[in-house]
Amino acid sequence: MKFYQFIILFILLGCGYSPVNNLEKEPLNVFVSFKNNPLNQSLLSEIRKSSSFLNLRLSSQENADVEIEITNHRIGKFLNTTDENFFPAVGTLDYQLDFYLKNNSNKEFIEFFTNENFAYDTDSILSNEQKIEEIKINFFKQALNEITFRLSNFSAL
């Protein structure tokens, strides 16, 4: 069995396999400023969960390399199409995140917007709320990808 493990390891290393997030670089110290509300707190929680993968370290404003200032952060829920009984059949969630990236010499304003449609179940309000929560987490992940991309370009300036 150890022989097979050795062969697999040898093949992976021979093919140039390396982890997706190679942490050779020092994590970027980031300070996040925002109005204290549940939506911003949820986003900050997702940043904390993903900070090692994103190669970020949350820090104080004095020690930060970059500040992320969230100026507008909202989720809007709309019920669009109705069925034959005029009950909502399709819902739409709109997600918007506007923020500044700032350091000592640069300041950049970024707008991020996305939306998603979902089937609205008039028989089960609880399942709708569960769908909305799943979509919200997906929105946060998309926003974190955008923030990471913008930070990589911003810190290169």
Foldseek 3Di string as FASTA:
>chain_A
DVVVVVVVVCVCVVVVHDDPQDPPDQAAEEEEAEDDDPLVVVLVVVCVVCCVVLSHDYDDPVPGQKYKYWDDWDKDKDQDDADPVRDGFKMKIKTKTWIWIDGPPDIDIDIDIDMDMDTDDPVDPPVVVVVVVVVSVVVSVVVVVVVSVVVVVVVVD
